[in-house]
């Protein structure tokens, strides 16, 4: 009689203890200029006040500008449109892109309406990713197979189908109900 060792596989997702800041360590296109009394948000910049930024050549030359709003209540979250609670939220800055940045990134010398719409969506995506970071929604994946552990870090958000986790989960374990999520 032959006994075959059973193969055991488990999936564990844990909150990252030291996630990478996508504004500092990622490949970003827009510049996120924020002003807040308690938090250092967005990208490093040389502006002392929002008025100084609004009067700057950089702001005036931006081909796209999206306002940034912060909600601060038992944690923080950011997006490009206002929150309904006026007590705990407000505008904290902008994410912008200049024509010079666009030329460097795209190699194009001009922008049309369709490309501008894609650029705006790209900036919104940057804000959504950054929001996952400031909300503390960055996960590390550990796959344990036959007692061997393999860990991959830096999955932003809980949409496992789109954040890259599924690329590392073995076949037969793709159902999140089978995972341990801490």
N, C-alpha and C. Protein backbone atom coordinates (compact mmCIF):
# COMPACT_ATOMS: atom_id res chain seq x y z
N UNK A 1 0.84 -1.17 0.00
CA UNK A 1 0.00 0.00 0.00
C UNK A 1 0.90 1.24 0.00
N UNK A 2 0.60 2.20 -0.87
CA UNK A 2 1.37 3.43 -0.97
C UNK A 2 0.59 4.56 -0.30
N UNK A 3 1.29 5.33 0.53
CA UNK A 3 0.68 6.49 1.19
C UNK A 3 1.26 7.75 0.55
N UNK A 4 0.38 8.59 0.08
CA UNK A 4 0.81 9.85 -0.53
C UNK A 4 0.62 10.98 0.48
N UNK A 5 1.64 11.77 0.67
CA UNK A 5 1.54 12.91 1.59
C UNK A 5 0.52 13.89 1.07
N UNK A 6 -0.33 14.35 1.95
CA UNK A 6 -1.33 15.32 1.51
C UNK A 6 -0.67 16.69 1.34
N UNK A 7 -1.09 17.39 0.33
CA UNK A 7 -0.56 18.73 0.07
C UNK A 7 -1.50 19.73 0.72
N UNK A 8 -0.98 20.46 1.63
CA UNK A 8 -1.81 21.45 2.30
C UNK A 8 -1.34 22.85 1.88
N UNK A 9 -2.32 23.63 1.51
CA UNK A 9 -2.03 25.00 1.10
C UNK A 9 -2.96 25.92 1.88
N UNK A 10 -2.40 27.01 2.39
CA UNK A 10 -3.24 28.02 3.04
C UNK A 10 -2.80 29.40 2.56
N UNK A 11 -3.77 30.29 2.60
CA UNK A 11 -3.57 31.68 2.16
C UNK A 11 -3.85 32.58 3.34
N UNK A 12 -2.92 33.49 3.63
CA UNK A 12 -3.10 34.43 4.73
C UNK A 12 -2.81 35.85 4.22
N UNK A 13 -3.74 36.74 4.45
CA UNK A 13 -3.56 38.16 4.14
C UNK A 13 -3.54 38.93 5.45
N UNK A 14 -2.49 39.73 5.63
CA UNK A 14 -2.36 40.54 6.83
C UNK A 14 -2.11 41.99 6.43
N UNK A 15 -2.54 42.89 7.30
CA UNK A 15 -2.26 44.30 7.04
C UNK A 15 -0.76 44.52 7.06
N UNK A 16 -0.27 45.24 6.09
CA UNK A 16 1.16 45.52 5.99
C UNK A 16 1.59 46.41 7.15
N UNK A 17 2.70 46.06 7.78
CA UNK A 17 3.20 46.87 8.89
C UNK A 17 4.06 48.04 8.43
N UNK A 18 4.57 47.96 7.21
CA UNK A 18 5.43 49.03 6.69
C UNK A 18 5.20 49.19 5.18
N UNK A 19 3.99 49.62 4.79
CA UNK A 19 3.71 49.71 3.36
C UNK A 19 4.47 50.84 2.68
N UNK A 20 4.70 50.68 1.41
CA UNK A 20 5.35 51.73 0.62
C UNK A 20 4.33 52.84 0.34
N UNK A 21 4.78 54.07 0.47
CA UNK A 21 3.95 55.23 0.15
C UNK A 21 3.96 55.38 -1.37
N UNK A 22 2.81 55.23 -2.04
CA UNK A 22 2.82 55.32 -3.50
C UNK A 22 3.21 56.70 -4.03
N UNK A 23 3.13 57.72 -3.23
CA UNK A 23 3.55 59.05 -3.65
C UNK A 23 5.07 59.18 -3.65
N UNK A 24 5.74 58.43 -2.78
CA UNK A 24 7.19 58.50 -2.68
C UNK A 24 7.89 57.36 -3.40
N UNK A 25 7.28 56.19 -3.37
CA UNK A 25 7.93 54.99 -3.88
C UNK A 25 7.31 54.44 -5.16
N UNK A 26 6.24 55.07 -5.62
CA UNK A 26 5.54 54.58 -6.80
C UNK A 26 5.86 55.40 -8.03
N UNK A 27 5.31 54.98 -9.12
CA UNK A 27 5.47 55.69 -10.39
C UNK A 27 4.22 56.54 -10.61
N UNK A 28 4.30 57.80 -10.21
CA UNK A 28 3.14 58.68 -10.29
C UNK A 28 3.32 59.70 -11.41
N UNK A 29 2.20 60.15 -11.92
CA UNK A 29 2.22 61.13 -12.99
C UNK A 29 1.89 62.52 -12.46
N UNK A 30 0.83 62.61 -11.70
CA UNK A 30 0.39 63.90 -11.18
C UNK A 30 1.22 64.36 -10.00
N UNK A 31 1.06 65.62 -9.66
CA UNK A 31 1.68 66.18 -8.46
C UNK A 31 0.57 66.49 -7.48
N UNK A 32 0.67 65.94 -6.29
CA UNK A 32 -0.34 66.10 -5.26
C UNK A 32 0.16 67.13 -4.25
N UNK A 33 -0.45 68.31 -4.27
CA UNK A 33 -0.06 69.40 -3.38
C UNK A 33 -1.15 69.56 -2.33
N UNK A 34 -0.79 69.30 -1.06
CA UNK A 34 -1.76 69.33 0.02
C UNK A 34 -1.29 70.24 1.15
N UNK A 35 -2.27 70.74 1.89
CA UNK A 35 -2.01 71.58 3.06
C UNK A 35 -2.91 71.09 4.19
N UNK A 36 -2.30 70.68 5.30
CA UNK A 36 -3.07 70.24 6.46
C UNK A 36 -2.24 70.49 7.71
N UNK A 37 -2.88 70.91 8.77
CA UNK A 37 -2.18 71.24 10.00
C UNK A 37 -1.61 70.05 10.76
N UNK A 38 -2.22 68.86 10.60
CA UNK A 38 -1.78 67.69 11.38
C UNK A 38 -1.14 66.58 10.55
N UNK A 39 -1.37 66.56 9.25
CA UNK A 39 -0.87 65.46 8.43
C UNK A 39 0.02 65.99 7.31
N UNK A 40 1.06 65.22 6.99
CA UNK A 40 1.86 65.49 5.80
C UNK A 40 1.28 64.61 4.69
N UNK A 41 0.56 65.22 3.80
CA UNK A 41 -0.15 64.49 2.76
C UNK A 41 0.43 64.81 1.39
N UNK A 42 0.27 63.88 0.46
CA UNK A 42 0.65 64.12 -0.92
C UNK A 42 2.15 64.14 -1.14
N UNK A 43 2.56 64.95 -2.11
CA UNK A 43 3.97 65.04 -2.50
C UNK A 43 4.63 66.21 -1.77
N UNK A 44 5.94 66.13 -1.63
CA UNK A 44 6.68 67.25 -1.06
C UNK A 44 6.61 68.41 -2.05
N UNK A 45 6.47 69.61 -1.49
CA UNK A 45 6.40 70.81 -2.33
C UNK A 45 6.97 72.00 -1.57
N UNK A 46 7.17 73.08 -2.30
CA UNK A 46 7.82 74.26 -1.70
C UNK A 46 6.83 75.35 -1.29
N UNK A 47 5.54 75.11 -1.39
CA UNK A 47 4.55 76.15 -1.11
C UNK A 47 4.20 76.20 0.37
N UNK A 48 4.12 77.42 0.90
CA UNK A 48 3.81 77.61 2.32
C UNK A 48 2.31 77.67 2.59
N UNK A 49 1.56 78.17 1.62
CA UNK A 49 0.12 78.34 1.80
C UNK A 49 -0.62 77.95 0.53
N UNK A 50 -1.90 77.65 0.65
CA UNK A 50 -2.70 77.37 -0.56
C UNK A 50 -2.71 78.56 -1.52
N UNK A 51 -2.76 79.78 -0.99
CA UNK A 51 -2.76 80.96 -1.86
C UNK A 51 -1.47 81.05 -2.67
N UNK A 52 -0.34 80.77 -2.03
CA UNK A 52 0.93 80.79 -2.74
C UNK A 52 0.93 79.77 -3.88
N UNK A 53 0.36 78.60 -3.62
CA UNK A 53 0.26 77.57 -4.67
C UNK A 53 -0.67 78.04 -5.80
N UNK A 54 -1.84 78.59 -5.45
CA UNK A 54 -2.79 79.06 -6.47
C UNK A 54 -2.20 80.16 -7.35
N UNK A 55 -1.30 80.96 -6.79
CA UNK A 55 -0.67 82.05 -7.54
C UNK A 55 0.57 81.59 -8.32
N UNK A 56 0.96 80.35 -8.16
CA UNK A 56 2.19 79.87 -8.79
C UNK A 56 2.02 79.60 -10.28
N UNK A 57 3.13 79.66 -11.01
CA UNK A 57 3.13 79.33 -12.44
C UNK A 57 2.73 77.87 -12.63
N UNK A 58 3.18 77.01 -11.73
CA UNK A 58 2.88 75.58 -11.84
C UNK A 58 1.37 75.33 -11.82
N UNK A 59 0.67 75.96 -10.90
CA UNK A 59 -0.78 75.79 -10.82
C UNK A 59 -1.47 76.39 -12.05
N UNK A 60 -1.03 77.58 -12.45
CA UNK A 60 -1.66 78.25 -13.59
C UNK A 60 -1.41 77.51 -14.90
N UNK A 61 -0.27 76.83 -15.02
CA UNK A 61 0.07 76.10 -16.24
C UNK A 61 -0.48 74.68 -16.29
N UNK A 62 -1.06 74.22 -15.19
CA UNK A 62 -1.55 72.84 -15.15
C UNK A 62 -2.65 72.64 -16.20
N UNK A 63 -2.54 71.55 -16.95
CA UNK A 63 -3.56 71.27 -17.97
C UNK A 63 -4.74 70.53 -17.37
N UNK A 64 -4.54 69.89 -16.23
CA UNK A 64 -5.64 69.30 -15.47
C UNK A 64 -5.40 69.56 -14.00
N UNK A 65 -6.51 69.82 -13.30
CA UNK A 65 -6.47 70.09 -11.86
C UNK A 65 -7.67 69.39 -11.23
N UNK A 66 -7.42 68.56 -10.26
CA UNK A 66 -8.51 67.94 -9.51
C UNK A 66 -8.38 68.33 -8.05
N UNK A 67 -9.45 68.80 -7.44
CA UNK A 67 -9.38 69.13 -6.02
C UNK A 67 -9.27 67.85 -5.19
N UNK A 68 -8.66 67.96 -4.03
CA UNK A 68 -8.51 66.83 -3.11
C UNK A 68 -9.24 67.16 -1.81
N UNK A 69 -10.09 66.24 -1.39
CA UNK A 69 -10.87 66.41 -0.16
C UNK A 69 -10.50 65.33 0.83
N UNK A 70 -10.43 65.71 2.10
CA UNK A 70 -10.08 64.79 3.17
C UNK A 70 -11.22 64.71 4.17
N UNK A 71 -11.54 63.49 4.57
CA UNK A 71 -12.49 63.24 5.66
C UNK A 71 -11.67 62.71 6.82
N UNK A 72 -11.77 63.34 7.97
CA UNK A 72 -10.95 63.01 9.13
C UNK A 72 -11.86 62.73 10.32
N UNK A 73 -12.14 61.45 10.55
CA UNK A 73 -12.98 61.05 11.68
C UNK A 73 -12.66 59.59 11.98
N UNK A 74 -11.94 59.35 13.06
CA UNK A 74 -11.50 57.98 13.42
C UNK A 74 -10.70 57.37 12.28
N UNK A 75 -9.85 58.14 11.68
CA UNK A 75 -9.07 57.74 10.51
C UNK A 75 -9.28 58.77 9.42
N UNK A 76 -8.51 58.66 8.35
CA UNK A 76 -8.64 59.62 7.27
C UNK A 76 -8.88 58.89 5.95
N UNK A 77 -9.54 59.59 5.05
CA UNK A 77 -9.75 59.10 3.70
C UNK A 77 -9.76 60.30 2.76
N UNK A 78 -9.35 60.08 1.52
CA UNK A 78 -9.22 61.16 0.55
C UNK A 78 -9.89 60.78 -0.76
N UNK A 79 -10.44 61.78 -1.43
CA UNK A 79 -11.01 61.59 -2.76
C UNK A 79 -11.05 62.93 -3.50
N UNK A 80 -11.53 62.89 -4.75
CA UNK A 80 -11.51 64.09 -5.59
C UNK A 80 -12.84 64.83 -5.64
N UNK A 81 -13.77 64.46 -4.80
CA UNK A 81 -15.05 65.18 -4.72
C UNK A 81 -15.43 65.30 -3.25
N UNK A 82 -16.25 66.29 -2.91
CA UNK A 82 -16.52 66.60 -1.50
C UNK A 82 -17.23 65.47 -0.75
N UNK A 83 -17.00 65.43 0.54
CA UNK A 83 -17.73 64.54 1.43
C UNK A 83 -18.98 65.28 1.91
N UNK A 84 -19.95 64.54 2.41
CA UNK A 84 -21.20 65.16 2.85
C UNK A 84 -21.10 65.80 4.23
N UNK A 85 -20.14 65.36 5.02
CA UNK A 85 -19.98 65.89 6.37
C UNK A 85 -19.05 67.11 6.34
N UNK A 86 -19.62 68.28 6.54
CA UNK A 86 -18.82 69.51 6.48
C UNK A 86 -18.02 69.75 7.77
N UNK A 87 -18.37 69.05 8.85
CA UNK A 87 -17.66 69.23 10.11
C UNK A 87 -16.29 68.57 10.09
N UNK A 88 -16.22 67.38 9.51
CA UNK A 88 -14.99 66.59 9.57
C UNK A 88 -14.29 66.46 8.22
N UNK A 89 -14.65 67.31 7.28
CA UNK A 89 -14.04 67.19 5.96
C UNK A 89 -13.85 68.56 5.32
N UNK A 90 -13.04 68.56 4.29
CA UNK A 90 -12.81 69.80 3.54
C UNK A 90 -11.73 69.58 2.50
N UNK A 91 -11.56 70.59 1.67
CA UNK A 91 -10.54 70.51 0.63
C UNK A 91 -9.16 70.73 1.25
N UNK A 92 -8.22 69.86 0.86
CA UNK A 92 -6.86 69.96 1.39
C UNK A 92 -5.82 70.25 0.32
N UNK A 93 -6.23 70.30 -0.93
CA UNK A 93 -5.26 70.57 -1.98
C UNK A 93 -5.75 70.17 -3.35
N UNK A 94 -4.78 69.90 -4.24
CA UNK A 94 -5.06 69.52 -5.63
C UNK A 94 -4.08 68.45 -6.08
N UNK A 95 -4.50 67.69 -7.07
CA UNK A 95 -3.56 66.89 -7.84
C UNK A 95 -3.60 67.50 -9.24
N UNK A 96 -2.42 67.81 -9.77
CA UNK A 96 -2.33 68.50 -11.05
C UNK A 96 -1.36 67.78 -11.98
N UNK A 97 -1.46 68.12 -13.24
CA UNK A 97 -0.47 67.68 -14.23
C UNK A 97 -0.25 68.83 -15.20
N UNK A 98 1.00 69.07 -15.51
CA UNK A 98 1.35 70.13 -16.44
C UNK A 98 1.60 69.55 -17.83
N UNK A 99 1.61 70.40 -18.81
CA UNK A 99 1.89 69.97 -20.18
C UNK A 99 3.31 69.41 -20.28
N UNK A 100 4.23 69.99 -19.54
CA UNK A 100 5.60 69.50 -19.55
C UNK A 100 5.67 68.05 -19.04
N UNK A 101 4.97 67.77 -17.94
CA UNK A 101 4.91 66.40 -17.42
C UNK A 101 4.29 65.47 -18.46
N UNK A 102 3.22 65.93 -19.06
CA UNK A 102 2.51 65.12 -20.05
C UNK A 102 3.41 64.79 -21.24
N UNK A 103 4.17 65.78 -21.71
CA UNK A 103 5.09 65.55 -22.83
C UNK A 103 6.14 64.51 -22.49
N UNK A 104 6.70 64.61 -21.28
CA UNK A 104 7.72 63.65 -20.85
C UNK A 104 7.14 62.24 -20.75
N UNK A 105 5.96 62.11 -20.17
CA UNK A 105 5.36 60.79 -19.95
C UNK A 105 4.83 60.17 -21.23
N UNK A 106 4.24 60.98 -22.11
CA UNK A 106 3.56 60.43 -23.28
C UNK A 106 4.36 60.54 -24.57
N UNK A 107 5.30 61.49 -24.61
CA UNK A 107 6.03 61.74 -25.85
C UNK A 107 5.23 62.58 -26.84
N UNK A 108 4.04 63.00 -26.45
CA UNK A 108 3.18 63.81 -27.33
C UNK A 108 3.42 65.29 -27.08
N UNK A 109 3.14 66.08 -28.12
CA UNK A 109 3.34 67.52 -28.01
C UNK A 109 2.04 68.28 -27.78
N UNK A 110 0.91 67.59 -27.93
CA UNK A 110 -0.37 68.25 -27.71
C UNK A 110 -1.34 67.25 -27.07
N UNK A 111 -2.43 67.79 -26.56
CA UNK A 111 -3.42 66.95 -25.90
C UNK A 111 -4.80 67.30 -26.45
N UNK A 112 -5.60 66.27 -26.70
CA UNK A 112 -6.96 66.51 -27.15
C UNK A 112 -7.94 66.14 -26.03
N UNK A 113 -9.21 66.30 -26.31
CA UNK A 113 -10.24 66.08 -25.30
C UNK A 113 -10.23 64.63 -24.78
N UNK A 114 -10.07 63.68 -25.66
CA UNK A 114 -10.05 62.27 -25.29
C UNK A 114 -8.85 61.94 -24.40
N UNK A 115 -7.68 62.44 -24.77
CA UNK A 115 -6.48 62.20 -23.98
C UNK A 115 -6.56 62.91 -22.63
N UNK A 116 -7.18 64.08 -22.62
CA UNK A 116 -7.35 64.81 -21.36
C UNK A 116 -8.25 64.02 -20.41
N UNK A 117 -9.29 63.39 -20.94
CA UNK A 117 -10.19 62.57 -20.13
C UNK A 117 -9.43 61.37 -19.54
N UNK A 118 -8.55 60.76 -20.35
CA UNK A 118 -7.74 59.64 -19.85
C UNK A 118 -6.77 60.11 -18.78
N UNK A 119 -6.22 61.29 -18.95
CA UNK A 119 -5.31 61.85 -17.97
C UNK A 119 -6.04 62.11 -16.65
N UNK A 120 -7.24 62.65 -16.72
CA UNK A 120 -8.03 62.88 -15.51
C UNK A 120 -8.31 61.56 -14.78
N UNK A 121 -8.64 60.52 -15.55
CA UNK A 121 -8.90 59.22 -14.94
C UNK A 121 -7.63 58.65 -14.30
N UNK A 122 -6.50 58.87 -14.93
CA UNK A 122 -5.23 58.44 -14.36
C UNK A 122 -4.96 59.13 -13.02
N UNK A 123 -5.23 60.43 -12.95
CA UNK A 123 -5.04 61.16 -11.70
C UNK A 123 -6.01 60.67 -10.63
N UNK A 124 -7.26 60.39 -11.02
CA UNK A 124 -8.22 59.84 -10.05
C UNK A 124 -7.73 58.49 -9.51
N UNK A 125 -7.16 57.69 -10.37
CA UNK A 125 -6.63 56.39 -9.94
C UNK A 125 -5.47 56.56 -8.95
N UNK A 126 -4.64 57.55 -9.19
CA UNK A 126 -3.54 57.83 -8.25
C UNK A 126 -4.09 58.21 -6.88
N UNK A 127 -5.16 59.00 -6.86
CA UNK A 127 -5.77 59.41 -5.59
C UNK A 127 -6.39 58.20 -4.90
N UNK A 128 -7.04 57.32 -5.65
CA UNK A 128 -7.65 56.12 -5.06
C UNK A 128 -6.58 55.22 -4.45
N UNK A 129 -5.47 55.06 -5.13
CA UNK A 129 -4.38 54.25 -4.59
C UNK A 129 -3.82 54.88 -3.32
N UNK A 130 -3.59 56.18 -3.36
CA UNK A 130 -3.07 56.88 -2.19
C UNK A 130 -4.06 56.78 -1.02
N UNK A 131 -5.34 56.83 -1.32
CA UNK A 131 -6.36 56.69 -0.29
C UNK A 131 -6.24 55.34 0.41
N UNK A 132 -6.01 54.29 -0.35
CA UNK A 132 -5.83 52.95 0.26
C UNK A 132 -4.63 52.99 1.22
N UNK A 133 -3.60 53.67 0.83
CA UNK A 133 -2.40 53.79 1.66
C UNK A 133 -2.71 54.55 2.97
N UNK A 134 -3.33 55.74 2.87
CA UNK A 134 -3.57 56.52 4.09
C UNK A 134 -4.67 55.90 4.96
N UNK A 135 -5.53 55.07 4.38
CA UNK A 135 -6.55 54.37 5.16
C UNK A 135 -5.99 53.12 5.84
N UNK A 136 -4.77 52.75 5.49
CA UNK A 136 -4.18 51.55 6.07
C UNK A 136 -4.70 50.27 5.45
N UNK A 137 -5.09 50.33 4.17
CA UNK A 137 -5.60 49.16 3.46
C UNK A 137 -4.55 48.60 2.51
N UNK A 138 -3.40 48.26 3.07
CA UNK A 138 -2.32 47.65 2.29
C UNK A 138 -2.04 46.29 2.93
N UNK A 139 -2.03 45.25 2.10
CA UNK A 139 -1.94 43.89 2.60
C UNK A 139 -0.69 43.17 2.11
N UNK A 140 -0.26 42.21 2.92
CA UNK A 140 0.80 41.29 2.55
C UNK A 140 0.18 39.91 2.42
N UNK A 141 0.56 39.18 1.40
CA UNK A 141 0.02 37.85 1.13
C UNK A 141 1.06 36.80 1.49
N UNK A 142 0.65 35.82 2.27
CA UNK A 142 1.51 34.69 2.59
C UNK A 142 0.83 33.42 2.11
N UNK A 143 1.52 32.67 1.26
CA UNK A 143 1.04 31.38 0.79
C UNK A 143 1.87 30.32 1.49
N UNK A 144 1.19 29.44 2.22
CA UNK A 144 1.87 28.34 2.90
C UNK A 144 1.51 27.06 2.15
N UNK A 145 2.52 26.42 1.60
CA UNK A 145 2.30 25.20 0.82
C UNK A 145 3.29 24.13 1.31
N UNK A 146 2.74 23.05 1.83
CA UNK A 146 3.56 21.96 2.39
C UNK A 146 4.57 22.47 3.41
N UNK A 147 4.13 23.40 4.25
CA UNK A 147 4.98 23.92 5.30
C UNK A 147 5.93 25.02 4.89
N UNK A 148 6.04 25.29 3.61
CA UNK A 148 6.92 26.36 3.10
C UNK A 148 6.12 27.64 2.93
N UNK A 149 6.64 28.74 3.44
CA UNK A 149 5.97 30.04 3.33
C UNK A 149 6.60 30.89 2.25
N UNK A 150 5.74 31.55 1.49
CA UNK A 150 6.19 32.52 0.49
C UNK A 150 5.34 33.77 0.68
N UNK A 151 5.98 34.91 0.89
CA UNK A 151 5.25 36.15 1.17
C UNK A 151 5.53 37.18 0.08
N UNK A 152 4.45 37.83 -0.35
CA UNK A 152 4.52 38.93 -1.32
C UNK A 152 3.81 40.11 -0.67
N UNK A 153 4.43 41.28 -0.69
CA UNK A 153 3.91 42.45 0.01
C UNK A 153 3.38 43.52 -0.95
N UNK A 154 2.49 44.35 -0.41
CA UNK A 154 2.10 45.56 -1.11
C UNK A 154 0.87 45.48 -1.99
N UNK A 155 -0.21 44.90 -1.51
CA UNK A 155 -1.46 44.87 -2.26
C UNK A 155 -2.39 45.91 -1.66
N UNK A 156 -2.76 46.90 -2.46
CA UNK A 156 -3.54 48.04 -1.99
C UNK A 156 -5.03 47.78 -2.17
N UNK A 157 -5.78 47.85 -1.06
CA UNK A 157 -7.22 47.67 -1.10
C UNK A 157 -7.63 46.21 -0.99
N UNK A 158 -8.95 46.00 -0.94
CA UNK A 158 -9.49 44.66 -0.73
C UNK A 158 -10.19 44.11 -1.96
N UNK A 159 -10.00 44.71 -3.09
CA UNK A 159 -10.56 44.16 -4.32
C UNK A 159 -9.55 43.15 -4.86
N UNK A 160 -9.64 41.93 -4.35
CA UNK A 160 -8.64 40.91 -4.64
C UNK A 160 -8.57 40.58 -6.12
N UNK A 161 -9.66 40.80 -6.85
CA UNK A 161 -9.68 40.48 -8.28
C UNK A 161 -8.85 41.47 -9.10
N UNK A 162 -8.67 42.68 -8.59
CA UNK A 162 -7.96 43.69 -9.39
C UNK A 162 -6.67 44.20 -8.76
N UNK A 163 -6.41 43.91 -7.49
CA UNK A 163 -5.21 44.48 -6.85
C UNK A 163 -3.96 43.63 -7.01
N UNK A 164 -4.04 42.52 -7.73
CA UNK A 164 -2.86 41.71 -8.01
C UNK A 164 -2.71 40.47 -7.16
N UNK A 165 -3.48 40.32 -6.10
CA UNK A 165 -3.36 39.16 -5.21
C UNK A 165 -3.56 37.86 -5.97
N UNK A 166 -4.57 37.83 -6.84
CA UNK A 166 -4.91 36.58 -7.54
C UNK A 166 -3.75 36.06 -8.40
N UNK A 167 -2.84 36.94 -8.80
CA UNK A 167 -1.69 36.50 -9.59
C UNK A 167 -0.77 35.57 -8.79
N UNK A 168 -0.86 35.62 -7.47
CA UNK A 168 0.03 34.85 -6.60
C UNK A 168 -0.67 33.70 -5.87
N UNK A 169 -1.99 33.62 -5.99
CA UNK A 169 -2.74 32.57 -5.31
C UNK A 169 -2.80 31.34 -6.22
N UNK A 170 -2.43 30.17 -5.68
CA UNK A 170 -2.45 28.95 -6.49
C UNK A 170 -3.87 28.58 -6.94
N UNK A 171 -3.94 27.88 -8.07
CA UNK A 171 -5.22 27.36 -8.55
C UNK A 171 -5.83 26.50 -7.45
N UNK A 172 -7.13 26.54 -7.36
CA UNK A 172 -7.82 25.77 -6.33
C UNK A 172 -7.99 26.54 -5.04
N UNK A 173 -7.32 27.69 -4.93
CA UNK A 173 -7.42 28.52 -3.72
C UNK A 173 -7.87 29.94 -4.04
N UNK A 174 -8.46 30.14 -5.20
CA UNK A 174 -8.82 31.49 -5.64
C UNK A 174 -10.05 32.05 -4.93
N UNK A 175 -10.74 31.26 -4.15
CA UNK A 175 -11.93 31.71 -3.43
C UNK A 175 -11.52 32.37 -2.11
N UNK A 176 -11.76 33.68 -1.96
CA UNK A 176 -11.36 34.37 -0.72
C UNK A 176 -11.99 33.80 0.56
N UNK A 177 -13.07 33.05 0.41
CA UNK A 177 -13.70 32.45 1.61
C UNK A 177 -12.79 31.38 2.22
N UNK A 178 -11.81 30.92 1.45
CA UNK A 178 -10.88 29.91 1.93
C UNK A 178 -9.65 30.53 2.62
N UNK A 179 -9.53 31.83 2.58
CA UNK A 179 -8.35 32.52 3.08
C UNK A 179 -8.54 32.98 4.53
N UNK A 180 -7.42 33.20 5.16
CA UNK A 180 -7.41 33.83 6.47
C UNK A 180 -7.04 35.29 6.22
N UNK A 181 -7.96 36.19 6.56
CA UNK A 181 -7.72 37.61 6.34
C UNK A 181 -7.73 38.30 7.70
N UNK A 182 -6.61 38.88 8.04
CA UNK A 182 -6.48 39.54 9.36
C UNK A 182 -6.60 41.03 9.23
